[in-house]
Amino acid sequence: MLRQDKDGDELLLYFLEKGDTCTMTMTCCIGRTNSEIRAIAEQDSKIVFIPVEKMAEWTRKYNGWMSFVFESYSNRFNEMLESIDSLAFSNMNDRLYKYIKSKVLVNKSTTLDVRHQDIAYDLNSSRVVISRLLKSLENEEKIKIYRNKIEVLVF
């Protein structure tokens, strides 16, 4: 999930995996507002849409649904706190390596089809900085860089 500013710059907020839900989407459904974030699928995905009218009904009627919703809120909130901590307290090299490891988990592959520019967008950095840091990780033998691909060697 990405947040975009008025100039079109983006910041990665969190990844959704199989069985996850977007908390912002649920909040927008309940409040009947537009979402302030957007999603990009990393791979082919199936999405389940639930009618807005069912959100409140199911929350009152089904404890399991209510637990799922609140657990999702808790998970996303913790991920957002981690993102804030990362922005505030981690250097870009650490942020980049954490980003790469997260993509490995989400894609279930140590080979990532990703351009340096896309990483820069996600981390709100420049392609030049990302390329330099990726080269540093390659020199440390943590990754191997190919054209539009990264192979993660150390996870």
N, C-alpha and C. Protein backbone atom coordinates (compact mmCIF):
# COMPACT_ATOMS: atom_id res chain seq x y z
N MET A 1 0.84 -1.15 0.00
CA MET A 1 0.00 0.00 0.00
C MET A 1 0.90 1.23 0.00
N LEU A 2 0.52 2.20 -0.82
CA LEU A 2 1.31 3.40 -1.01
C LEU A 2 0.53 4.65 -0.66
N ARG A 3 1.23 5.64 -0.18
CA ARG A 3 0.66 6.96 0.07
C ARG A 3 1.31 7.92 -0.92
N GLN A 4 0.51 8.75 -1.57
CA GLN A 4 1.02 9.67 -2.57
C GLN A 4 0.77 11.10 -2.12
N ASP A 5 1.79 11.97 -2.28
CA ASP A 5 1.60 13.37 -1.92
C ASP A 5 1.08 14.16 -3.11
N LYS A 6 0.86 15.46 -2.92
CA LYS A 6 0.25 16.29 -3.97
C LYS A 6 1.14 16.42 -5.20
N ASP A 7 2.44 16.16 -5.04
CA ASP A 7 3.37 16.24 -6.18
C ASP A 7 3.53 14.91 -6.90
N GLY A 8 2.86 13.88 -6.41
CA GLY A 8 2.95 12.57 -7.05
C GLY A 8 4.03 11.67 -6.47
N ASP A 9 4.78 12.15 -5.47
CA ASP A 9 5.77 11.31 -4.83
C ASP A 9 5.07 10.29 -3.95
N GLU A 10 5.64 9.08 -3.88
CA GLU A 10 5.00 7.99 -3.15
C GLU A 10 5.88 7.48 -2.03
N LEU A 11 5.22 6.89 -1.03
CA LEU A 11 5.92 6.25 0.08
C LEU A 11 5.22 4.93 0.35
N LEU A 12 6.01 3.87 0.41
CA LEU A 12 5.46 2.56 0.73
C LEU A 12 5.03 2.53 2.19
N LEU A 13 3.81 2.10 2.45
CA LEU A 13 3.32 2.00 3.82
C LEU A 13 3.44 0.58 4.35
N TYR A 14 2.89 -0.37 3.60
CA TYR A 14 2.96 -1.76 4.03
C TYR A 14 2.59 -2.67 2.87
N PHE A 15 2.93 -3.95 3.03
CA PHE A 15 2.57 -4.98 2.06
C PHE A 15 1.38 -5.76 2.59
N LEU A 16 0.50 -6.18 1.71
CA LEU A 16 -0.57 -7.10 2.07
C LEU A 16 -0.21 -8.48 1.54
N GLU A 17 -0.46 -9.49 2.34
CA GLU A 17 -0.21 -10.86 1.93
C GLU A 17 -1.53 -11.62 1.89
N LYS A 18 -1.48 -12.85 1.41
CA LYS A 18 -2.68 -13.68 1.30
C LYS A 18 -3.42 -13.71 2.65
N GLY A 19 -4.70 -13.43 2.61
CA GLY A 19 -5.52 -13.45 3.81
C GLY A 19 -5.57 -12.12 4.54
N ASP A 20 -4.75 -11.15 4.13
CA ASP A 20 -4.76 -9.83 4.76
C ASP A 20 -5.87 -8.97 4.18
N THR A 21 -6.15 -7.90 4.86
CA THR A 21 -7.09 -6.92 4.36
C THR A 21 -6.50 -5.53 4.54
N CYS A 22 -6.95 -4.62 3.74
CA CYS A 22 -6.48 -3.24 3.84
C CYS A 22 -7.35 -2.52 4.85
N THR A 23 -6.74 -2.11 5.92
CA THR A 23 -7.46 -1.42 6.98
C THR A 23 -8.03 -0.09 6.51
N MET A 24 -7.28 0.60 5.66
CA MET A 24 -7.77 1.88 5.14
C MET A 24 -9.06 1.67 4.35
N THR A 25 -9.12 0.59 3.59
CA THR A 25 -10.32 0.30 2.81
C THR A 25 -11.51 0.07 3.73
N MET A 26 -11.29 -0.71 4.80
CA MET A 26 -12.39 -0.95 5.74
C MET A 26 -12.83 0.35 6.41
N THR A 27 -11.87 1.18 6.79
CA THR A 27 -12.20 2.46 7.42
C THR A 27 -13.00 3.33 6.46
N CYS A 28 -12.58 3.35 5.21
CA CYS A 28 -13.30 4.15 4.21
C CYS A 28 -14.70 3.62 3.97
N CYS A 29 -14.86 2.29 4.00
CA CYS A 29 -16.19 1.71 3.83
C CYS A 29 -17.12 2.12 4.96
N ILE A 30 -16.61 2.01 6.17
CA ILE A 30 -17.44 2.36 7.33
C ILE A 30 -17.79 3.85 7.31
N GLY A 31 -16.82 4.69 6.98
CA GLY A 31 -17.05 6.13 6.96
C GLY A 31 -17.56 6.65 5.64
N ARG A 32 -17.66 5.74 4.64
CA ARG A 32 -18.12 6.10 3.29
C ARG A 32 -17.33 7.28 2.73
N THR A 33 -15.99 7.14 2.80
CA THR A 33 -15.08 8.15 2.26
C THR A 33 -14.14 7.50 1.25
N ASN A 34 -13.44 8.31 0.50
CA ASN A 34 -12.46 7.80 -0.45
C ASN A 34 -11.15 7.49 0.27
N SER A 35 -10.45 6.51 -0.24
CA SER A 35 -9.17 6.11 0.34
C SER A 35 -8.09 7.14 0.00
N GLU A 36 -7.17 7.31 0.91
CA GLU A 36 -6.04 8.22 0.72
C GLU A 36 -4.78 7.46 0.32
N ILE A 37 -4.90 6.15 0.12
CA ILE A 37 -3.75 5.34 -0.29
C ILE A 37 -4.13 4.52 -1.51
N ARG A 38 -3.13 3.92 -2.15
CA ARG A 38 -3.41 3.08 -3.30
C ARG A 38 -2.61 1.80 -3.22
N ALA A 39 -3.06 0.82 -3.96
CA ALA A 39 -2.42 -0.50 -3.94
C ALA A 39 -1.91 -0.86 -5.33
N ILE A 40 -0.80 -1.58 -5.33
CA ILE A 40 -0.26 -2.15 -6.56
C ILE A 40 0.00 -3.62 -6.29
N ALA A 41 -0.55 -4.49 -7.11
CA ALA A 41 -0.35 -5.93 -6.93
C ALA A 41 1.05 -6.32 -7.37
N GLU A 42 1.74 -7.04 -6.53
CA GLU A 42 3.08 -7.56 -6.85
C GLU A 42 2.97 -8.76 -7.78
N GLN A 43 1.85 -9.47 -7.70
CA GLN A 43 1.63 -10.66 -8.51
C GLN A 43 0.13 -10.82 -8.73
N ASP A 44 -0.25 -11.75 -9.60
CA ASP A 44 -1.67 -11.99 -9.83
C ASP A 44 -2.35 -12.27 -8.50
N SER A 45 -3.50 -11.63 -8.29
CA SER A 45 -4.17 -11.72 -6.99
C SER A 45 -5.67 -11.89 -7.18
N LYS A 46 -6.29 -12.47 -6.19
CA LYS A 46 -7.74 -12.53 -6.13
C LYS A 46 -8.17 -11.60 -5.01
N ILE A 47 -9.16 -10.77 -5.30
CA ILE A 47 -9.65 -9.81 -4.33
C ILE A 47 -11.11 -10.11 -4.03
N VAL A 48 -11.46 -10.06 -2.78
CA VAL A 48 -12.85 -10.27 -2.36
C VAL A 48 -13.42 -8.92 -1.98
N PHE A 49 -14.52 -8.55 -2.61
CA PHE A 49 -15.21 -7.31 -2.29
C PHE A 49 -16.42 -7.63 -1.43
N ILE A 50 -16.59 -6.87 -0.38
CA ILE A 50 -17.73 -7.06 0.52
C ILE A 50 -18.57 -5.79 0.47
N PRO A 51 -19.88 -5.94 0.28
CA PRO A 51 -20.73 -4.75 0.23
C PRO A 51 -20.60 -3.91 1.50
N VAL A 52 -20.57 -2.61 1.33
CA VAL A 52 -20.41 -1.68 2.46
C VAL A 52 -21.47 -1.94 3.53
N GLU A 53 -22.67 -2.23 3.10
CA GLU A 53 -23.77 -2.43 4.05
C GLU A 53 -23.49 -3.60 4.99
N LYS A 54 -22.70 -4.56 4.55
CA LYS A 54 -22.44 -5.75 5.35
C LYS A 54 -21.41 -5.51 6.45
N MET A 55 -20.56 -4.49 6.29
CA MET A 55 -19.49 -4.24 7.27
C MET A 55 -20.05 -4.08 8.69
N ALA A 56 -20.95 -3.14 8.87
CA ALA A 56 -21.50 -2.89 10.21
C ALA A 56 -22.34 -4.07 10.68
N GLU A 57 -23.13 -4.63 9.76
CA GLU A 57 -23.98 -5.78 10.12
C GLU A 57 -23.12 -6.95 10.61
N TRP A 58 -22.10 -7.31 9.86
CA TRP A 58 -21.25 -8.44 10.22
C TRP A 58 -20.47 -8.18 11.51
N THR A 59 -20.08 -6.93 11.72
CA THR A 59 -19.34 -6.59 12.94
C THR A 59 -20.21 -6.81 14.17
N ARG A 60 -21.49 -6.46 14.06
CA ARG A 60 -22.43 -6.68 15.17
C ARG A 60 -22.80 -8.15 15.31
N LYS A 61 -22.93 -8.84 14.20
CA LYS A 61 -23.51 -10.18 14.18
C LYS A 61 -22.48 -11.29 14.41
N TYR A 62 -21.26 -11.13 13.90
CA TYR A 62 -20.29 -12.22 13.92
C TYR A 62 -19.03 -11.82 14.69
N ASN A 63 -18.80 -12.48 15.82
CA ASN A 63 -17.60 -12.20 16.61
C ASN A 63 -16.33 -12.49 15.83
N GLY A 64 -16.34 -13.52 15.01
CA GLY A 64 -15.17 -13.85 14.21
C GLY A 64 -14.81 -12.75 13.23
N TRP A 65 -15.83 -12.15 12.63
CA TRP A 65 -15.59 -11.04 11.70
C TRP A 65 -15.03 -9.83 12.47
N MET A 66 -15.64 -9.54 13.62
CA MET A 66 -15.17 -8.41 14.42
C MET A 66 -13.71 -8.64 14.84
N SER A 67 -13.37 -9.86 15.24
CA SER A 67 -11.99 -10.17 15.61
C SER A 67 -11.05 -9.98 14.42
N PHE A 68 -11.47 -10.43 13.24
CA PHE A 68 -10.67 -10.27 12.03
C PHE A 68 -10.41 -8.79 11.75
N VAL A 69 -11.45 -7.98 11.84
CA VAL A 69 -11.33 -6.54 11.57
C VAL A 69 -10.37 -5.89 12.57
N PHE A 70 -10.54 -6.15 13.87
CA PHE A 70 -9.69 -5.51 14.86
C PHE A 70 -8.26 -6.04 14.83
N GLU A 71 -8.10 -7.32 14.52
CA GLU A 71 -6.74 -7.86 14.37
C GLU A 71 -6.05 -7.21 13.18
N SER A 72 -6.80 -6.98 12.11
CA SER A 72 -6.25 -6.30 10.94
C SER A 72 -5.84 -4.88 11.29
N TYR A 73 -6.69 -4.16 12.01
CA TYR A 73 -6.35 -2.80 12.45
C TYR A 73 -5.06 -2.82 13.28
N SER A 74 -4.97 -3.76 14.18
CA SER A 74 -3.79 -3.86 15.04
C SER A 74 -2.53 -4.15 14.22
N ASN A 75 -2.63 -5.11 13.30
CA ASN A 75 -1.47 -5.45 12.46
C ASN A 75 -1.02 -4.26 11.61
N ARG A 76 -1.97 -3.60 10.95
CA ARG A 76 -1.61 -2.45 10.11
C ARG A 76 -1.04 -1.31 10.95
N PHE A 77 -1.62 -1.09 12.13
CA PHE A 77 -1.12 -0.03 13.00
C PHE A 77 0.33 -0.31 13.41
N ASN A 78 0.62 -1.56 13.76
CA ASN A 78 1.99 -1.92 14.13
C ASN A 78 2.94 -1.77 12.94
N GLU A 79 2.49 -2.13 11.74
CA GLU A 79 3.31 -1.95 10.55
C GLU A 79 3.56 -0.47 10.28
N MET A 80 2.55 0.35 10.49
CA MET A 80 2.72 1.79 10.30
C MET A 80 3.72 2.35 11.32
N LEU A 81 3.65 1.88 12.57
CA LEU A 81 4.62 2.33 13.57
C LEU A 81 6.03 1.91 13.17
N GLU A 82 6.18 0.70 12.65
CA GLU A 82 7.49 0.25 12.17
C GLU A 82 7.98 1.15 11.03
N SER A 83 7.07 1.54 10.14
CA SER A 83 7.46 2.43 9.05
C SER A 83 7.91 3.78 9.57
N ILE A 84 7.18 4.31 10.53
CA ILE A 84 7.55 5.59 11.12
C ILE A 84 8.91 5.47 11.83
N ASP A 85 9.08 4.40 12.59
CA ASP A 85 10.36 4.17 13.25
C ASP A 85 11.50 4.09 12.24
N SER A 86 11.23 3.38 11.15
CA SER A 86 12.25 3.22 10.11
C SER A 86 12.62 4.57 9.51
N LEU A 87 11.61 5.38 9.20
CA LEU A 87 11.88 6.71 8.64
C LEU A 87 12.64 7.60 9.62
N ALA A 88 12.26 7.50 10.88
CA ALA A 88 12.85 8.40 11.87
C ALA A 88 14.21 7.93 12.37
N PHE A 89 14.40 6.62 12.49
CA PHE A 89 15.57 6.12 13.20
C PHE A 89 16.54 5.27 12.38
N SER A 90 16.15 4.85 11.18
CA SER A 90 17.01 3.97 10.37
C SER A 90 17.63 4.75 9.22
N ASN A 91 18.83 4.35 8.86
CA ASN A 91 19.43 4.96 7.68
C ASN A 91 18.86 4.30 6.42
N MET A 92 19.08 4.91 5.28
CA MET A 92 18.49 4.41 4.04
C MET A 92 18.98 3.01 3.70
N ASN A 93 20.22 2.69 4.03
CA ASN A 93 20.73 1.36 3.74
C ASN A 93 19.93 0.29 4.47
N ASP A 94 19.64 0.52 5.75
CA ASP A 94 18.84 -0.42 6.54
C ASP A 94 17.41 -0.50 5.99
N ARG A 95 16.85 0.65 5.66
CA ARG A 95 15.49 0.68 5.10
C ARG A 95 15.43 -0.10 3.80
N LEU A 96 16.43 0.06 2.96
CA LEU A 96 16.46 -0.63 1.68
C LEU A 96 16.54 -2.14 1.87
N TYR A 97 17.41 -2.60 2.75
CA TYR A 97 17.55 -4.04 2.95
C TYR A 97 16.27 -4.64 3.56
N LYS A 98 15.63 -3.91 4.46
CA LYS A 98 14.36 -4.37 5.03
C LYS A 98 13.29 -4.44 3.93
N TYR A 99 13.26 -3.46 3.07
CA TYR A 99 12.33 -3.43 1.94
C TYR A 99 12.54 -4.66 1.05
N ILE A 100 13.80 -4.96 0.73
CA ILE A 100 14.11 -6.11 -0.12
C ILE A 100 13.66 -7.41 0.55
N LYS A 101 13.94 -7.55 1.83
CA LYS A 101 13.53 -8.76 2.55
C LYS A 101 12.01 -8.89 2.58
N SER A 102 11.30 -7.78 2.75
CA SER A 102 9.84 -7.81 2.75
C SER A 102 9.30 -8.26 1.40
N LYS A 103 9.91 -7.78 0.32
CA LYS A 103 9.48 -8.18 -1.02
C LYS A 103 9.73 -9.66 -1.25
N VAL A 104 10.83 -10.19 -0.71
CA VAL A 104 11.11 -11.63 -0.82
C VAL A 104 9.99 -12.41 -0.13
N LEU A 105 9.59 -11.99 1.05
CA LEU A 105 8.52 -12.68 1.78
C LEU A 105 7.20 -12.62 1.03
N VAL A 106 6.86 -11.45 0.53
CA VAL A 106 5.58 -11.27 -0.16
C VAL A 106 5.56 -12.07 -1.47
N ASN A 107 6.66 -12.03 -2.22
CA ASN A 107 6.72 -12.70 -3.51
C ASN A 107 7.11 -14.17 -3.43
N LYS A 108 7.54 -14.60 -2.23
CA LYS A 108 7.95 -15.98 -2.02
C LYS A 108 9.03 -16.41 -3.02
N SER A 109 9.95 -15.48 -3.28
CA SER A 109 11.04 -15.73 -4.21
C SER A 109 12.22 -14.84 -3.83
N THR A 110 13.43 -15.39 -3.94
CA THR A 110 14.62 -14.60 -3.66
C THR A 110 15.08 -13.83 -4.90
N THR A 111 14.40 -14.04 -6.02
CA THR A 111 14.68 -13.25 -7.22
C THR A 111 13.53 -12.26 -7.41
N LEU A 112 13.87 -10.99 -7.37
CA LEU A 112 12.86 -9.94 -7.45
C LEU A 112 12.96 -9.22 -8.79
N ASP A 113 11.85 -9.13 -9.48
CA ASP A 113 11.77 -8.34 -10.71
C ASP A 113 11.42 -6.92 -10.32
N VAL A 114 12.43 -6.08 -10.20
CA VAL A 114 12.19 -4.73 -9.73
C VAL A 114 13.28 -3.81 -10.29
N ARG A 115 12.85 -2.61 -10.66
CA ARG A 115 13.79 -1.60 -11.17
C ARG A 115 14.25 -0.72 -10.01
N HIS A 116 15.44 -0.19 -10.12
CA HIS A 116 15.96 0.71 -9.09
C HIS A 116 15.03 1.90 -8.90
N GLN A 117 14.47 2.42 -10.01
CA GLN A 117 13.57 3.56 -9.92
C GLN A 117 12.32 3.23 -9.12
N ASP A 118 11.79 2.02 -9.28
CA ASP A 118 10.59 1.62 -8.53
C ASP A 118 10.88 1.55 -7.04
N ILE A 119 12.06 1.03 -6.69
CA ILE A 119 12.46 1.00 -5.28
C ILE A 119 12.57 2.43 -4.75
N ALA A 120 13.17 3.29 -5.53
CA ALA A 120 13.32 4.69 -5.13
C ALA A 120 11.96 5.33 -4.87
N TYR A 121 10.99 5.07 -5.75
CA TYR A 121 9.64 5.60 -5.53
C TYR A 121 9.07 5.08 -4.22
N ASP A 122 9.18 3.77 -4.01
CA ASP A 122 8.60 3.16 -2.81
C ASP A 122 9.23 3.69 -1.53
N LEU A 123 10.53 3.99 -1.57
CA LEU A 123 11.23 4.44 -0.38
C LEU A 123 11.39 5.96 -0.32
N ASN A 124 10.76 6.63 -1.28
CA ASN A 124 10.82 8.09 -1.34
C ASN A 124 12.27 8.58 -1.35
N SER A 125 13.01 8.02 -2.29
CA SER A 125 14.42 8.37 -2.44
C SER A 125 14.69 8.60 -3.92
N SER A 126 15.95 8.75 -4.28
CA SER A 126 16.30 8.92 -5.68
C SER A 126 16.89 7.62 -6.22
N ARG A 127 16.78 7.43 -7.53
CA ARG A 127 17.33 6.24 -8.16
C ARG A 127 18.83 6.15 -7.95
N VAL A 128 19.51 7.28 -8.00
CA VAL A 128 20.97 7.31 -7.83
C VAL A 128 21.35 6.78 -6.45
N VAL A 129 20.65 7.23 -5.41
CA VAL A 129 20.93 6.78 -4.05
C VAL A 129 20.67 5.28 -3.93
N ILE A 130 19.54 4.83 -4.45
CA ILE A 130 19.19 3.40 -4.37
C ILE A 130 20.21 2.56 -5.12
N SER A 131 20.60 2.98 -6.31
CA SER A 131 21.60 2.23 -7.09
C SER A 131 22.92 2.13 -6.33
N ARG A 132 23.33 3.21 -5.72
CA ARG A 132 24.59 3.20 -4.94
C ARG A 132 24.48 2.25 -3.75
N LEU A 133 23.35 2.28 -3.05
CA LEU A 133 23.17 1.40 -1.89
C LEU A 133 23.04 -0.06 -2.30
N LEU A 134 22.36 -0.30 -3.43
CA LEU A 134 22.26 -1.68 -3.93
C LEU A 134 23.65 -2.22 -4.27
N LYS A 135 24.48 -1.39 -4.88
CA LYS A 135 25.85 -1.79 -5.22
C LYS A 135 26.62 -2.12 -3.94
N SER A 136 26.40 -1.34 -2.90
CA SER A 136 27.05 -1.60 -1.61
C SER A 136 26.60 -2.95 -1.05
N LEU A 137 25.29 -3.24 -1.13
CA LEU A 137 24.79 -4.54 -0.67
C LEU A 137 25.35 -5.68 -1.51
N GLU A 138 25.54 -5.42 -2.80
CA GLU A 138 26.13 -6.43 -3.67
C GLU A 138 27.60 -6.67 -3.27
N ASN A 139 28.32 -5.61 -2.97
CA ASN A 139 29.71 -5.75 -2.53
C ASN A 139 29.82 -6.51 -1.21
N GLU A 140 28.80 -6.39 -0.38
CA GLU A 140 28.75 -7.14 0.89
C GLU A 140 28.27 -8.57 0.66
N GLU A 141 27.97 -8.92 -0.60
CA GLU A 141 27.51 -10.25 -1.02
C GLU A 141 26.18 -10.64 -0.38
N LYS A 142 25.33 -9.64 -0.14
CA LYS A 142 23.97 -9.89 0.34
C LYS A 142 22.99 -10.05 -0.82
N ILE A 143 23.29 -9.39 -1.93
CA ILE A 143 22.44 -9.46 -3.12
C ILE A 143 23.32 -9.56 -4.36
N LYS A 144 22.69 -9.92 -5.48
CA LYS A 144 23.32 -9.88 -6.80
C LYS A 144 22.40 -9.06 -7.68
N ILE A 145 22.97 -8.07 -8.37
CA ILE A 145 22.18 -7.16 -9.19
C ILE A 145 22.25 -7.59 -10.65
N TYR A 146 21.09 -7.65 -11.28
CA TYR A 146 20.96 -7.89 -12.72
C TYR A 146 20.11 -6.76 -13.29
N ARG A 147 19.98 -6.70 -14.57
CA ARG A 147 19.12 -5.68 -15.18
C ARG A 147 17.67 -5.94 -14.78
N ASN A 148 17.08 -5.00 -14.08
CA ASN A 148 15.68 -5.07 -13.61
C ASN A 148 15.40 -6.27 -12.72
N LYS A 149 16.45 -6.83 -12.10
CA LYS A 149 16.28 -7.95 -11.18
C LYS A 149 17.29 -7.83 -10.05
N ILE A 150 16.89 -8.36 -8.91
CA ILE A 150 17.78 -8.47 -7.76
C ILE A 150 17.63 -9.88 -7.23
N GLU A 151 18.74 -10.54 -7.03
CA GLU A 151 18.73 -11.85 -6.39
C GLU A 151 19.23 -11.67 -4.97
N VAL A 152 18.46 -12.12 -4.00
CA VAL A 152 18.83 -11.98 -2.59
C VAL A 152 19.62 -13.22 -2.19
N LEU A 153 20.85 -13.01 -1.77
CA LEU A 153 21.76 -14.11 -1.41
C LEU A 153 21.74 -14.41 0.07
N VAL A 154 21.59 -13.37 0.89
CA VAL A 154 21.58 -13.51 2.34
C VAL A 154 20.25 -12.98 2.83
N PHE A 155 19.53 -13.85 3.52
CA PHE A 155 18.22 -13.45 4.00
C PHE A 155 18.14 -13.58 5.50
